[in-house]
Protein backbone atom coordinates (compact mmCIF):
# COMPACT_ATOMS: atom_id res chain seq x y z
CA MET A 1 -142.78 -29.97 83.12
CA THR A 2 -140.74 -31.02 80.35
CA ALA A 3 -137.80 -33.61 80.37
CA PRO A 4 -134.35 -32.70 80.58
CA LYS A 5 -132.53 -31.35 77.72
CA ILE A 6 -129.18 -32.08 76.18
CA SER A 7 -128.31 -28.41 75.07
CA ASP A 8 -125.98 -27.25 72.54
CA ASP A 9 -124.27 -24.46 74.60
CA PRO A 10 -121.27 -24.51 74.23
CA LEU A 11 -120.32 -24.47 78.26
CA TYR A 12 -122.67 -26.92 78.76
CA ARG A 13 -121.55 -29.59 76.63
CA LEU A 14 -117.71 -28.86 78.62
CA LEU A 15 -119.22 -30.40 81.64
CA ARG A 16 -120.79 -33.16 79.53
CA GLU A 17 -117.14 -33.96 78.67
CA ASN A 18 -115.90 -33.38 82.37
CA LYS A 19 -113.97 -30.13 81.88
CA VAL A 20 -114.87 -28.77 84.56
CA SER A 21 -111.80 -26.17 85.23
CA GLU A 22 -112.42 -24.71 82.07
CA PHE A 23 -115.76 -24.39 82.51
CA ASN A 24 -115.17 -22.55 85.25
CA GLN A 25 -112.37 -20.44 84.14
CA ARG A 26 -114.67 -19.50 81.11
CA ILE A 27 -117.29 -18.51 83.43
CA ALA A 28 -114.81 -16.33 85.73
CA ALA A 29 -113.98 -14.73 82.34
CA GLY A 30 -117.50 -13.67 81.77
CA GLU A 31 -118.90 -15.60 79.49
CA LYS A 32 -122.73 -17.11 79.98
CA ALA A 33 -124.05 -20.41 80.26
CA ASP A 34 -127.67 -21.59 80.19
CA LEU A 35 -127.94 -24.43 82.90
CA THR A 36 -131.66 -24.39 83.32
CA SER A 37 -134.00 -27.83 82.75
CA CYS A 38 -130.01 -29.40 82.00
CA ASP A 39 -129.83 -33.05 81.81
CA PHE A 40 -126.62 -33.84 84.71
CA ARG A 41 -127.07 -37.67 85.03
CA HIS A 42 -123.87 -39.15 85.73
CA ILE A 43 -121.97 -36.47 85.52
CA ASN A 44 -118.86 -35.72 87.38
CA LEU A 45 -119.26 -32.25 88.76
CA CYS A 46 -116.92 -32.16 91.40
CA GLY A 47 -114.96 -28.93 91.79
CA LEU A 48 -117.60 -27.29 89.85
CA ILE A 49 -117.72 -22.66 90.59
CA THR A 50 -121.62 -22.35 91.03
CA ASP A 51 -122.10 -18.64 91.61
CA LYS A 52 -124.81 -17.41 90.40
CA LEU A 53 -125.60 -19.93 87.77
CA ASP A 54 -129.32 -20.73 87.34
CA PHE A 55 -129.93 -25.02 87.80
CA SER A 56 -133.45 -24.49 87.98
CA ASN A 57 -135.24 -27.49 86.82
CA SER A 58 -132.08 -29.40 86.28
CA TYR A 59 -131.62 -33.16 86.47
CA PHE A 60 -128.69 -34.40 88.42
CA ARG A 61 -129.69 -38.20 88.66
CA GLN A 62 -126.90 -40.35 90.18
CA ALA A 63 -123.97 -37.22 89.37
CA ASP A 64 -121.28 -36.69 91.46
CA LEU A 65 -121.70 -33.40 93.34
CA ARG A 66 -119.49 -34.14 96.07
CA GLY A 67 -118.05 -30.85 97.43
CA VAL A 68 -119.98 -28.62 94.98
CA ASP A 69 -120.85 -25.16 97.29
CA PHE A 70 -124.72 -24.63 95.80
CA SER A 71 -125.00 -22.05 98.37
CA ARG A 72 -124.34 -18.93 95.90
CA CYS A 73 -126.24 -20.31 92.67
CA ASP A 74 -129.06 -18.58 91.55
CA SER A 75 -131.39 -21.03 92.21
CA LEU A 76 -132.28 -25.13 92.22
CA GLU A 77 -135.20 -25.27 91.95
CA GLY A 78 -137.20 -27.81 90.77
CA ALA A 79 -133.86 -29.58 90.57
CA SER A 80 -133.64 -33.39 91.31
CA ILE A 81 -130.46 -35.01 92.99
CA HIS A 82 -132.35 -38.84 93.09
CA GLY A 83 -129.01 -41.05 93.24
CA ALA A 84 -126.74 -38.31 93.67
CA LYS A 85 -123.22 -38.72 95.56
CA ILE A 86 -123.81 -35.51 97.56
CA SER A 87 -121.21 -35.83 100.65
CA GLY A 88 -119.81 -32.43 101.44
CA THR A 89 -122.32 -30.73 98.68
CA TYR A 90 -123.41 -27.61 100.34
CA PHE A 91 -127.07 -26.55 99.13
CA PRO A 92 -128.96 -23.33 99.76
CA ARG A 93 -130.33 -22.45 103.14
CA GLU A 94 -133.88 -21.73 100.82
CA VAL A 95 -134.08 -25.65 100.79
CA TRP A 96 -134.31 -27.45 103.56
CA ALA A 97 -133.13 -30.21 104.44
CA GLU A 98 -136.23 -32.86 104.15
CA GLU A 99 -135.99 -31.67 100.12
CA ILE A 100 -133.09 -32.88 99.68
CA LEU A 101 -133.84 -35.92 101.40
CA LEU A 102 -136.65 -36.88 99.69
CA SER A 103 -134.77 -35.68 95.80
CA LEU A 104 -132.10 -37.77 96.67
CA GLU A 105 -134.17 -40.37 97.92
CA HIS A 106 -137.44 -40.55 95.37
CA GLY A 107 -136.21 -38.29 92.88
CA THR A 108 -138.66 -35.00 93.81
CA ARG A 109 -138.26 -31.87 92.68
CA MET A 110 -136.60 -29.80 95.09
CA ARG A 111 -138.79 -26.52 96.10
CA TYR A 112 -137.43 -23.76 97.92
CA ARG A 113 -139.16 -22.22 101.60
CA SER A 114 -141.15 -18.90 101.42
């Protein structure tokens, strides 16, 4: 497992700069972002539209994920949400509640059930 990266992807940079609305608009316009294995520590992602985005192996330690709907993202497999704010967050049905809790409390990487 590699360490989470701070990518040079311009759309990822928008999220790091707290420009979630602009990110959503550009994704809706058809731009593509590589968000796999990215570092989202301490970032406020409230309002993020995650449809068809791949967050596998990403790191969300202490990020603000309140109200984010990950149910239509391509993947959260291997992601960690240690200490994140997750009130109202909707996770993919393939991720068991136990996996979410272990990741939230201990930083484990979430696994999808088969």
